[in-house]
Amino acid sequence: MKRFLPVIVFAVLVAFLAIGLKLDPREVPSPLVNKAAPAFKLPLLAQPDAMLTPADLRGKVWLLNVWASWCVSCRVEHPLLVELAKTGTVPIYGLNYKDKRDDAMQWLRERGDPYLQSISDADGRVGIDYGVYGVPETFVIDREGVIRYKQIGPLTPESLRDTILPLVRKLGA
């Protein structure tokens, strides 16, 4: 039996590797899905004296898109957000993450602003509360303020078509 132990250990390691290779790294389970969205009170990017909270958005299905001007992947998904905003299918709110206000405002002026409002999370604390791994990330939040889905990484036409928009329709946006 001792003679076969290295072969058995090797076979187990190969099995774990094979299972791991089939996983999608963007499908990291979030403990917040199906739980109330964390509370926050953050200043609007365009009007730092005005504040926004999730309670202000109660009663509507909405997307929270975490973005930053320094984020390369955000540049990839941004045109898709601009197009989605034009359809009026679902309200999109931005969480500007660990960014400088002037840089973020310039970024939106140059690329278009798909957000009904964008809030400033300059120190990243709200991002931590939402379990943000990195930017971009997008959350679908229902009428009761419950997170129903989390997209890690940039949105794609496929993720919108196959997952996010069907969920938004199901939730009654």
N, C-alpha and C. Protein backbone atom coordinates (compact mmCIF):
# COMPACT_ATOMS: atom_id res chain seq x y z
N MET A 1 0.82 -1.20 0.00
CA MET A 1 0.00 0.00 0.00
C MET A 1 0.86 1.27 0.00
N LYS A 2 1.96 1.24 0.76
CA LYS A 2 2.84 2.41 0.81
C LYS A 2 3.38 2.75 -0.56
N ARG A 3 3.54 1.74 -1.37
CA ARG A 3 4.07 1.93 -2.70
C ARG A 3 3.12 2.75 -3.59
N PHE A 4 1.81 2.65 -3.35
CA PHE A 4 0.81 3.33 -4.17
C PHE A 4 0.42 4.71 -3.63
N LEU A 5 0.87 5.05 -2.42
CA LEU A 5 0.50 6.33 -1.80
C LEU A 5 0.89 7.53 -2.67
N PRO A 6 2.10 7.63 -3.21
CA PRO A 6 2.41 8.77 -4.08
C PRO A 6 1.50 8.85 -5.31
N VAL A 7 1.14 7.71 -5.87
CA VAL A 7 0.25 7.70 -7.04
C VAL A 7 -1.13 8.19 -6.66
N ILE A 8 -1.62 7.79 -5.49
CA ILE A 8 -2.95 8.22 -5.03
C ILE A 8 -2.94 9.73 -4.76
N VAL A 9 -1.91 10.22 -4.09
CA VAL A 9 -1.80 11.66 -3.81
C VAL A 9 -1.73 12.44 -5.13
N PHE A 10 -0.96 11.97 -6.07
CA PHE A 10 -0.85 12.63 -7.37
C PHE A 10 -2.20 12.66 -8.08
N ALA A 11 -2.95 11.57 -8.04
CA ALA A 11 -4.26 11.50 -8.69
C ALA A 11 -5.24 12.49 -8.05
N VAL A 12 -5.19 12.62 -6.73
CA VAL A 12 -6.07 13.56 -6.04
C VAL A 12 -5.71 15.00 -6.45
N LEU A 13 -4.43 15.31 -6.50
CA LEU A 13 -4.00 16.65 -6.91
C LEU A 13 -4.42 16.96 -8.34
N VAL A 14 -4.30 16.00 -9.23
CA VAL A 14 -4.72 16.19 -10.63
C VAL A 14 -6.22 16.43 -10.69
N ALA A 15 -7.00 15.71 -9.88
CA ALA A 15 -8.45 15.90 -9.86
C ALA A 15 -8.81 17.32 -9.41
N PHE A 16 -8.16 17.79 -8.33
CA PHE A 16 -8.42 19.16 -7.86
C PHE A 16 -8.03 20.19 -8.91
N LEU A 17 -6.92 19.99 -9.58
CA LEU A 17 -6.49 20.90 -10.63
C LEU A 17 -7.49 20.93 -11.77
N ALA A 18 -7.97 19.76 -12.18
CA ALA A 18 -8.94 19.68 -13.28
C ALA A 18 -10.23 20.40 -12.91
N ILE A 19 -10.68 20.26 -11.68
CA ILE A 19 -11.90 20.95 -11.23
C ILE A 19 -11.65 22.46 -11.23
N GLY A 20 -10.50 22.88 -10.71
CA GLY A 20 -10.18 24.31 -10.65
C GLY A 20 -10.09 24.96 -12.01
N LEU A 21 -9.61 24.25 -13.00
CA LEU A 21 -9.47 24.81 -14.34
C LEU A 21 -10.82 25.06 -15.01
N LYS A 22 -11.86 24.39 -14.53
CA LYS A 22 -13.20 24.57 -15.11
C LYS A 22 -13.96 25.73 -14.47
N LEU A 23 -13.43 26.31 -13.40
CA LEU A 23 -14.12 27.41 -12.72
C LEU A 23 -13.85 28.73 -13.42
N ASP A 24 -14.84 29.61 -13.40
CA ASP A 24 -14.71 30.94 -13.96
C ASP A 24 -14.27 31.89 -12.85
N PRO A 25 -13.10 32.53 -12.95
CA PRO A 25 -12.63 33.39 -11.87
C PRO A 25 -13.52 34.61 -11.64
N ARG A 26 -14.37 34.96 -12.60
CA ARG A 26 -15.27 36.09 -12.40
C ARG A 26 -16.51 35.69 -11.62
N GLU A 27 -16.69 34.40 -11.39
CA GLU A 27 -17.85 33.93 -10.65
C GLU A 27 -17.46 33.61 -9.22
N VAL A 28 -16.98 34.64 -8.53
CA VAL A 28 -16.64 34.50 -7.12
C VAL A 28 -17.94 34.71 -6.34
N PRO A 29 -18.34 33.73 -5.55
CA PRO A 29 -19.60 33.90 -4.83
C PRO A 29 -19.50 35.06 -3.84
N SER A 30 -20.54 35.85 -3.79
CA SER A 30 -20.57 36.98 -2.88
C SER A 30 -21.50 36.66 -1.73
N PRO A 31 -21.04 36.84 -0.50
CA PRO A 31 -21.92 36.60 0.64
C PRO A 31 -23.04 37.64 0.72
N LEU A 32 -22.96 38.70 -0.07
CA LEU A 32 -23.98 39.75 -0.01
C LEU A 32 -25.18 39.50 -0.92
N VAL A 33 -25.04 38.57 -1.87
CA VAL A 33 -26.16 38.29 -2.76
C VAL A 33 -27.33 37.74 -1.92
N ASN A 34 -28.50 38.31 -2.16
CA ASN A 34 -29.73 38.01 -1.44
C ASN A 34 -29.74 38.54 -0.02
N LYS A 35 -28.88 39.54 0.22
CA LYS A 35 -28.87 40.25 1.50
C LYS A 35 -29.05 41.74 1.23
N ALA A 36 -29.46 42.46 2.25
CA ALA A 36 -29.65 43.91 2.11
C ALA A 36 -28.33 44.58 1.72
N ALA A 37 -28.43 45.50 0.78
CA ALA A 37 -27.25 46.26 0.38
C ALA A 37 -26.75 47.05 1.58
N PRO A 38 -25.44 47.06 1.80
CA PRO A 38 -24.90 47.84 2.92
C PRO A 38 -25.28 49.31 2.84
N ALA A 39 -25.57 49.88 4.00
CA ALA A 39 -25.94 51.29 4.06
C ALA A 39 -24.72 52.17 3.82
N PHE A 40 -24.97 53.31 3.23
CA PHE A 40 -23.92 54.31 3.08
C PHE A 40 -24.57 55.68 2.96
N LYS A 41 -23.79 56.69 3.16
CA LYS A 41 -24.21 58.07 2.90
C LYS A 41 -22.99 58.74 2.33
N LEU A 42 -23.00 58.90 1.00
CA LEU A 42 -21.83 59.43 0.30
C LEU A 42 -22.19 60.66 -0.51
N PRO A 43 -21.21 61.54 -0.72
CA PRO A 43 -21.46 62.74 -1.52
C PRO A 43 -21.57 62.41 -3.00
N LEU A 44 -22.42 63.15 -3.67
CA LEU A 44 -22.51 63.03 -5.12
C LEU A 44 -21.22 63.57 -5.72
N LEU A 45 -20.76 62.90 -6.75
CA LEU A 45 -19.53 63.31 -7.42
C LEU A 45 -19.67 64.72 -7.99
N ALA A 46 -20.80 65.00 -8.64
CA ALA A 46 -21.02 66.29 -9.29
C ALA A 46 -21.42 67.39 -8.31
N GLN A 47 -21.96 67.02 -7.16
CA GLN A 47 -22.40 67.98 -6.15
C GLN A 47 -21.96 67.48 -4.77
N PRO A 48 -20.72 67.73 -4.39
CA PRO A 48 -20.20 67.18 -3.14
C PRO A 48 -20.98 67.57 -1.88
N ASP A 49 -21.80 68.62 -1.95
CA ASP A 49 -22.60 69.01 -0.79
C ASP A 49 -23.87 68.17 -0.66
N ALA A 50 -24.26 67.47 -1.72
CA ALA A 50 -25.46 66.62 -1.69
C ALA A 50 -25.04 65.18 -1.44
N MET A 51 -25.90 64.44 -0.74
CA MET A 51 -25.60 63.07 -0.37
C MET A 51 -26.61 62.10 -1.00
N LEU A 52 -26.20 60.85 -1.12
CA LEU A 52 -27.08 59.79 -1.61
C LEU A 52 -26.93 58.59 -0.69
N THR A 53 -28.06 57.94 -0.42
CA THR A 53 -28.07 56.72 0.37
C THR A 53 -28.88 55.66 -0.38
N PRO A 54 -28.68 54.39 -0.06
CA PRO A 54 -29.52 53.35 -0.69
C PRO A 54 -31.00 53.55 -0.39
N ALA A 55 -31.32 54.12 0.75
CA ALA A 55 -32.72 54.36 1.10
C ALA A 55 -33.37 55.31 0.09
N ASP A 56 -32.58 56.21 -0.50
CA ASP A 56 -33.11 57.13 -1.51
C ASP A 56 -33.57 56.39 -2.76
N LEU A 57 -33.09 55.19 -2.96
CA LEU A 57 -33.36 54.42 -4.17
C LEU A 57 -34.38 53.30 -3.94
N ARG A 58 -34.91 53.21 -2.72
CA ARG A 58 -35.90 52.19 -2.40
C ARG A 58 -37.09 52.32 -3.35
N GLY A 59 -37.64 51.19 -3.74
CA GLY A 59 -38.80 51.20 -4.62
C GLY A 59 -38.47 51.07 -6.08
N LYS A 60 -37.16 51.02 -6.42
CA LYS A 60 -36.79 50.82 -7.82
C LYS A 60 -35.68 49.78 -7.92
N VAL A 61 -35.65 49.08 -9.03
CA VAL A 61 -34.56 48.17 -9.35
C VAL A 61 -33.48 49.02 -9.99
N TRP A 62 -32.22 48.84 -9.56
CA TRP A 62 -31.15 49.68 -10.07
C TRP A 62 -29.83 48.93 -10.10
N LEU A 63 -28.91 49.47 -10.90
CA LEU A 63 -27.55 48.93 -10.96
C LEU A 63 -26.63 49.87 -10.22
N LEU A 64 -25.70 49.30 -9.46
CA LEU A 64 -24.61 50.06 -8.86
C LEU A 64 -23.34 49.59 -9.55
N ASN A 65 -22.72 50.49 -10.30
CA ASN A 65 -21.51 50.17 -11.04
C ASN A 65 -20.32 50.84 -10.34
N VAL A 66 -19.37 50.02 -9.89
CA VAL A 66 -18.18 50.52 -9.22
C VAL A 66 -17.13 50.78 -10.29
N TRP A 67 -16.61 52.02 -10.33
CA TRP A 67 -15.70 52.41 -11.40
C TRP A 67 -14.67 53.41 -10.87
N ALA A 68 -13.65 53.65 -11.66
CA ALA A 68 -12.63 54.65 -11.34
C ALA A 68 -11.97 55.13 -12.63
N SER A 69 -11.50 56.35 -12.61
CA SER A 69 -10.84 56.90 -13.80
C SER A 69 -9.52 56.21 -14.09
N TRP A 70 -8.88 55.64 -13.09
CA TRP A 70 -7.59 54.97 -13.25
C TRP A 70 -7.75 53.50 -13.68
N CYS A 71 -8.97 53.03 -13.79
CA CYS A 71 -9.26 51.62 -14.08
C CYS A 71 -9.27 51.35 -15.58
N VAL A 72 -8.36 50.50 -16.02
CA VAL A 72 -8.25 50.17 -17.45
C VAL A 72 -9.49 49.39 -17.91
N SER A 73 -9.94 48.42 -17.13
CA SER A 73 -11.11 47.62 -17.52
C SER A 73 -12.39 48.46 -17.57
N CYS A 74 -12.43 49.52 -16.78
CA CYS A 74 -13.60 50.41 -16.81
C CYS A 74 -13.73 51.08 -18.17
N ARG A 75 -12.60 51.34 -18.80
CA ARG A 75 -12.62 51.94 -20.15
C ARG A 75 -13.24 50.98 -21.15
N VAL A 76 -13.05 49.69 -20.93
CA VAL A 76 -13.60 48.68 -21.82
C VAL A 76 -15.11 48.61 -21.70
N GLU A 77 -15.62 48.62 -20.47
CA GLU A 77 -17.07 48.46 -20.28
C GLU A 77 -17.85 49.76 -20.42
N HIS A 78 -17.19 50.90 -20.32
CA HIS A 78 -17.90 52.18 -20.28
C HIS A 78 -18.81 52.44 -21.48
N PRO A 79 -18.35 52.19 -22.72
CA PRO A 79 -19.27 52.42 -23.85
C PRO A 79 -20.55 51.58 -23.74
N LEU A 80 -20.44 50.40 -23.18
CA LEU A 80 -21.61 49.54 -23.00
C LEU A 80 -22.58 50.17 -21.98
N LEU A 81 -22.03 50.75 -20.92
CA LEU A 81 -22.88 51.42 -19.93
C LEU A 81 -23.56 52.64 -20.53
N VAL A 82 -22.84 53.38 -21.36
CA VAL A 82 -23.42 54.56 -22.01
C VAL A 82 -24.59 54.13 -22.90
N GLU A 83 -24.40 53.06 -23.65
CA GLU A 83 -25.48 52.56 -24.52
C GLU A 83 -26.67 52.05 -23.69
N LEU A 84 -26.38 51.33 -22.62
CA LEU A 84 -27.45 50.84 -21.75
C LEU A 84 -28.24 52.00 -21.15
N ALA A 85 -27.55 53.03 -20.72
CA ALA A 85 -28.23 54.19 -20.14
C ALA A 85 -29.17 54.85 -21.14
N LYS A 86 -28.78 54.88 -22.40
CA LYS A 86 -29.62 55.49 -23.43
C LYS A 86 -30.95 54.76 -23.60
N THR A 87 -30.96 53.45 -23.31
CA THR A 87 -32.20 52.68 -23.47
C THR A 87 -33.20 52.97 -22.36
N GLY A 88 -32.71 53.43 -21.21
CA GLY A 88 -33.60 53.69 -20.08
C GLY A 88 -34.13 52.42 -19.44
N THR A 89 -33.54 51.28 -19.74
CA THR A 89 -34.02 49.99 -19.23
C THR A 89 -33.93 49.90 -17.71
N VAL A 90 -32.84 50.40 -17.17
CA VAL A 90 -32.61 50.31 -15.72
C VAL A 90 -31.76 51.51 -15.30
N PRO A 91 -32.09 52.12 -14.16
CA PRO A 91 -31.26 53.22 -13.69
C PRO A 91 -29.87 52.72 -13.27
N ILE A 92 -28.85 53.45 -13.65
CA ILE A 92 -27.48 53.09 -13.31
C ILE A 92 -26.90 54.17 -12.41
N TYR A 93 -26.41 53.75 -11.26
CA TYR A 93 -25.73 54.66 -10.33
C TYR A 93 -24.27 54.23 -10.26
N GLY A 94 -23.39 55.20 -10.18
CA GLY A 94 -21.97 54.91 -10.14
C GLY A 94 -21.42 55.08 -8.74
N LEU A 95 -20.51 54.20 -8.38
CA LEU A 95 -19.74 54.33 -7.15
C LEU A 95 -18.30 54.56 -7.58
N ASN A 96 -17.88 55.82 -7.55
CA ASN A 96 -16.52 56.17 -7.96
C ASN A 96 -15.59 55.79 -6.82
N TYR A 97 -14.71 54.83 -7.09
CA TYR A 97 -13.94 54.12 -6.07
C TYR A 97 -12.50 54.58 -6.01
N LYS A 98 -12.09 55.08 -4.84
CA LYS A 98 -10.69 55.47 -4.57
C LYS A 98 -10.12 56.34 -5.69
N ASP A 99 -10.83 57.38 -6.01
CA ASP A 99 -10.48 58.22 -7.14
C ASP A 99 -10.42 59.68 -6.71
N LYS A 100 -9.79 60.50 -7.50
CA LYS A 100 -9.79 61.94 -7.28
C LYS A 100 -10.98 62.52 -8.02
N ARG A 101 -11.71 63.41 -7.35
CA ARG A 101 -12.93 63.97 -7.92
C ARG A 101 -12.69 64.61 -9.28
N ASP A 102 -11.65 65.42 -9.41
CA ASP A 102 -11.39 66.11 -10.69
C ASP A 102 -11.10 65.11 -11.81
N ASP A 103 -10.34 64.06 -11.51
CA ASP A 103 -10.03 63.04 -12.51
C ASP A 103 -11.31 62.33 -12.95
N ALA A 104 -12.16 62.00 -11.97
CA ALA A 104 -13.41 61.30 -12.28
C ALA A 104 -14.35 62.17 -13.11
N MET A 105 -14.47 63.44 -12.75
CA MET A 105 -15.34 64.34 -13.50
C MET A 105 -14.85 64.51 -14.94
N GLN A 106 -13.56 64.65 -15.11
CA GLN A 106 -13.00 64.78 -16.47
C GLN A 106 -13.25 63.51 -17.26
N TRP A 107 -13.07 62.37 -16.63
CA TRP A 107 -13.27 61.07 -17.29
C TRP A 107 -14.70 60.97 -17.82
N LEU A 108 -15.68 61.38 -17.01
CA LEU A 108 -17.09 61.33 -17.44
C LEU A 108 -17.37 62.34 -18.55
N ARG A 109 -16.78 63.51 -18.47
CA ARG A 109 -16.98 64.51 -19.53
C ARG A 109 -16.44 64.00 -20.86
N GLU A 110 -15.30 63.33 -20.83
CA GLU A 110 -14.67 62.86 -22.06
C GLU A 110 -15.37 61.63 -22.65
N ARG A 111 -15.88 60.76 -21.81
CA ARG A 111 -16.40 59.46 -22.27
C ARG A 111 -17.92 59.35 -22.24
N GLY A 112 -18.57 60.34 -21.65
CA GLY A 112 -20.01 60.28 -21.49
C GLY A 112 -20.35 59.79 -20.09
N ASP A 113 -21.49 60.23 -19.59
CA ASP A 113 -21.89 59.91 -18.23
C ASP A 113 -23.16 59.06 -18.24
N PRO A 114 -23.03 57.75 -18.03
CA PRO A 114 -24.20 56.88 -18.06
C PRO A 114 -24.98 56.86 -16.74
N TYR A 115 -24.48 57.53 -15.72
CA TYR A 115 -25.04 57.40 -14.38
C TYR A 115 -26.08 58.47 -14.10
N LEU A 116 -27.19 58.06 -13.47
CA LEU A 116 -28.15 59.05 -13.00
C LEU A 116 -27.48 59.92 -11.95
N GLN A 117 -26.69 59.29 -11.10
CA GLN A 117 -25.84 59.97 -10.13
C GLN A 117 -24.62 59.10 -9.93
N SER A 118 -23.52 59.72 -9.62
CA SER A 118 -22.33 58.99 -9.25
C SER A 118 -21.92 59.50 -7.88
N ILE A 119 -21.60 58.58 -6.99
CA ILE A 119 -21.20 58.96 -5.65
C ILE A 119 -19.71 58.70 -5.48
N SER A 120 -19.11 59.45 -4.56
CA SER A 120 -17.66 59.40 -4.38
C SER A 120 -17.30 58.58 -3.14
N ASP A 121 -16.59 57.49 -3.36
CA ASP A 121 -16.08 56.64 -2.27
C ASP A 121 -14.56 56.80 -2.26
N ALA A 122 -14.10 57.99 -1.91
CA ALA A 122 -12.68 58.34 -2.03
C ALA A 122 -11.77 57.45 -1.19
N ASP A 123 -12.23 57.06 0.00
CA ASP A 123 -11.38 56.23 0.85
C ASP A 123 -11.63 54.74 0.67
N GLY A 124 -12.62 54.37 -0.11
CA GLY A 124 -12.87 52.97 -0.41
C GLY A 124 -13.61 52.19 0.65
N ARG A 125 -14.11 52.84 1.68
CA ARG A 125 -14.78 52.12 2.77
C ARG A 125 -16.09 51.47 2.34
N VAL A 126 -16.86 52.17 1.52
CA VAL A 126 -18.12 51.59 1.05
C VAL A 126 -17.82 50.41 0.13
N GLY A 127 -16.80 50.55 -0.70
CA GLY A 127 -16.39 49.43 -1.55
C GLY A 127 -16.06 48.20 -0.71
N ILE A 128 -15.39 48.39 0.40
CA ILE A 128 -15.08 47.28 1.30
C ILE A 128 -16.38 46.67 1.84
N ASP A 129 -17.32 47.52 2.24
CA ASP A 129 -18.61 47.02 2.75
C ASP A 129 -19.34 46.18 1.71
N TYR A 130 -19.18 46.54 0.43
CA TYR A 130 -19.82 45.81 -0.65
C TYR A 130 -18.99 44.62 -1.13
N GLY A 131 -17.85 44.40 -0.52
CA GLY A 131 -17.02 43.26 -0.89
C GLY A 131 -16.37 43.42 -2.25
N VAL A 132 -16.03 44.65 -2.62
CA VAL A 132 -15.42 44.91 -3.92
C VAL A 132 -14.02 44.30 -3.95
N TYR A 133 -13.80 43.44 -4.94
CA TYR A 133 -12.49 42.82 -5.15
C TYR A 133 -11.60 43.72 -5.98
N GLY A 134 -12.20 44.48 -6.86
CA GLY A 134 -11.49 45.37 -7.77
C GLY A 134 -12.52 46.01 -8.68
N VAL A 135 -12.10 46.98 -9.43
CA VAL A 135 -13.04 47.64 -10.33
C VAL A 135 -12.79 47.18 -11.76
N PRO A 136 -13.82 47.13 -12.57
CA PRO A 136 -15.21 47.42 -12.27
C PRO A 136 -15.94 46.21 -11.66
N GLU A 137 -16.98 46.52 -10.95
CA GLU A 137 -17.93 45.54 -10.46
C GLU A 137 -19.31 46.17 -10.56
N THR A 138 -20.32 45.34 -10.78
CA THR A 138 -21.68 45.85 -10.93
C THR A 138 -22.63 45.00 -10.09
N PHE A 139 -23.51 45.67 -9.38
CA PHE A 139 -24.50 45.01 -8.53
C PHE A 139 -25.90 45.30 -9.07
N VAL A 140 -26.77 44.29 -9.05
CA VAL A 140 -28.19 44.48 -9.33
C VAL A 140 -28.87 44.52 -7.97
N ILE A 141 -29.59 45.60 -7.70
CA ILE A 141 -30.25 45.79 -6.41
C ILE A 141 -31.74 45.96 -6.65
N ASP A 142 -32.54 45.20 -5.89
CA ASP A 142 -33.99 45.19 -6.13
C ASP A 142 -34.71 46.32 -5.40
N ARG A 143 -36.03 46.34 -5.53
CA ARG A 143 -36.86 47.41 -4.98
C ARG A 143 -36.77 47.53 -3.46
N GLU A 144 -36.47 46.42 -2.82
CA GLU A 144 -36.38 46.40 -1.35
C GLU A 144 -34.96 46.70 -0.86
N GLY A 145 -34.04 46.95 -1.78
CA GLY A 145 -32.67 47.24 -1.39
C GLY A 145 -31.82 46.01 -1.15
N VAL A 146 -32.21 44.89 -1.77
CA VAL A 146 -31.49 43.63 -1.63
C VAL A 146 -30.63 43.41 -2.87
N ILE A 147 -29.37 43.04 -2.64
CA ILE A 147 -28.47 42.73 -3.75
C ILE A 147 -28.89 41.39 -4.33
N ARG A 148 -29.18 41.35 -5.62
CA ARG A 148 -29.63 40.13 -6.28
C ARG A 148 -28.56 39.51 -7.17
N TYR A 149 -27.55 40.30 -7.53
CA TYR A 149 -26.50 39.76 -8.41
C TYR A 149 -25.27 40.65 -8.31
N LYS A 150 -24.10 40.03 -8.44
CA LYS A 150 -22.84 40.77 -8.47
C LYS A 150 -22.02 40.30 -9.65
N GLN A 151 -21.66 41.24 -10.52
CA GLN A 151 -20.80 40.96 -11.67
C GLN A 151 -19.40 41.45 -11.33
N ILE A 152 -18.45 40.55 -11.30
CA ILE A 152 -17.06 40.93 -11.07
C ILE A 152 -16.39 41.10 -12.42
N GLY A 153 -15.72 42.23 -12.60
CA GLY A 153 -15.08 42.51 -13.87
C GLY A 153 -16.01 43.29 -14.78
N PRO A 154 -15.53 43.62 -15.96
CA PRO A 154 -16.33 44.46 -16.86
C PRO A 154 -17.57 43.75 -17.38
N LEU A 155 -18.62 44.54 -17.54
CA LEU A 155 -19.82 44.04 -18.20
C LEU A 155 -19.48 43.75 -19.65
N THR A 156 -20.17 42.77 -20.20
CA THR A 156 -20.02 42.44 -21.62
C THR A 156 -21.42 42.41 -22.22
N PRO A 157 -21.52 42.49 -23.54
CA PRO A 157 -22.84 42.35 -24.15
C PRO A 157 -23.51 41.04 -23.73
N GLU A 158 -22.71 39.98 -23.59
CA GLU A 158 -23.26 38.67 -23.21
C GLU A 158 -23.76 38.69 -21.76
N SER A 159 -23.00 39.28 -20.84
CA SER A 159 -23.43 39.30 -19.44
C SER A 159 -24.70 40.13 -19.29
N LEU A 160 -24.81 41.21 -20.05
CA LEU A 160 -26.05 41.99 -20.02
C LEU A 160 -27.21 41.20 -20.59
N ARG A 161 -27.01 40.63 -21.77
CA ARG A 161 -28.08 39.91 -22.47
C ARG A 161 -28.53 38.66 -21.73
N ASP A 162 -27.57 37.89 -21.22
CA ASP A 162 -27.89 36.58 -20.67
C ASP A 162 -28.21 36.57 -19.19
N THR A 163 -27.70 37.55 -18.43
CA THR A 163 -27.86 37.50 -16.98
C THR A 163 -28.50 38.75 -16.41
N ILE A 164 -27.90 39.89 -16.64
CA ILE A 164 -28.32 41.10 -15.92
C ILE A 164 -29.68 41.61 -16.39
N LEU A 165 -29.87 41.79 -17.68
CA LEU A 165 -31.15 42.33 -18.15
C LEU A 165 -32.32 41.38 -17.90
N PRO A 166 -32.16 40.06 -18.09
CA PRO A 166 -33.27 39.17 -17.71
C PRO A 166 -33.61 39.27 -16.22
N LEU A 167 -32.60 39.41 -15.38
CA LEU A 167 -32.84 39.54 -13.94
C LEU A 167 -33.55 40.87 -13.64
N VAL A 168 -33.13 41.94 -14.28
CA VAL A 168 -33.75 43.24 -14.08
C VAL A 168 -35.22 43.16 -14.49
N ARG A 169 -35.52 42.52 -15.62
CA ARG A 169 -36.91 42.37 -16.06
C ARG A 169 -37.71 41.53 -15.07
N LYS A 170 -37.11 40.47 -14.58
CA LYS A 170 -37.78 39.60 -13.61
C LYS A 170 -38.10 40.35 -12.32
N LEU A 171 -37.20 41.24 -11.92
CA LEU A 171 -37.40 42.01 -10.69
C LEU A 171 -38.39 43.16 -10.88
N GLY A 172 -38.73 43.43 -12.15
CA GLY A 172 -39.76 44.43 -12.42
C GLY A 172 -39.28 45.85 -12.59
N ALA A 173 -38.14 46.02 -13.21
CA ALA A 173 -37.66 47.40 -13.45
C ALA A 173 -38.46 48.07 -14.53
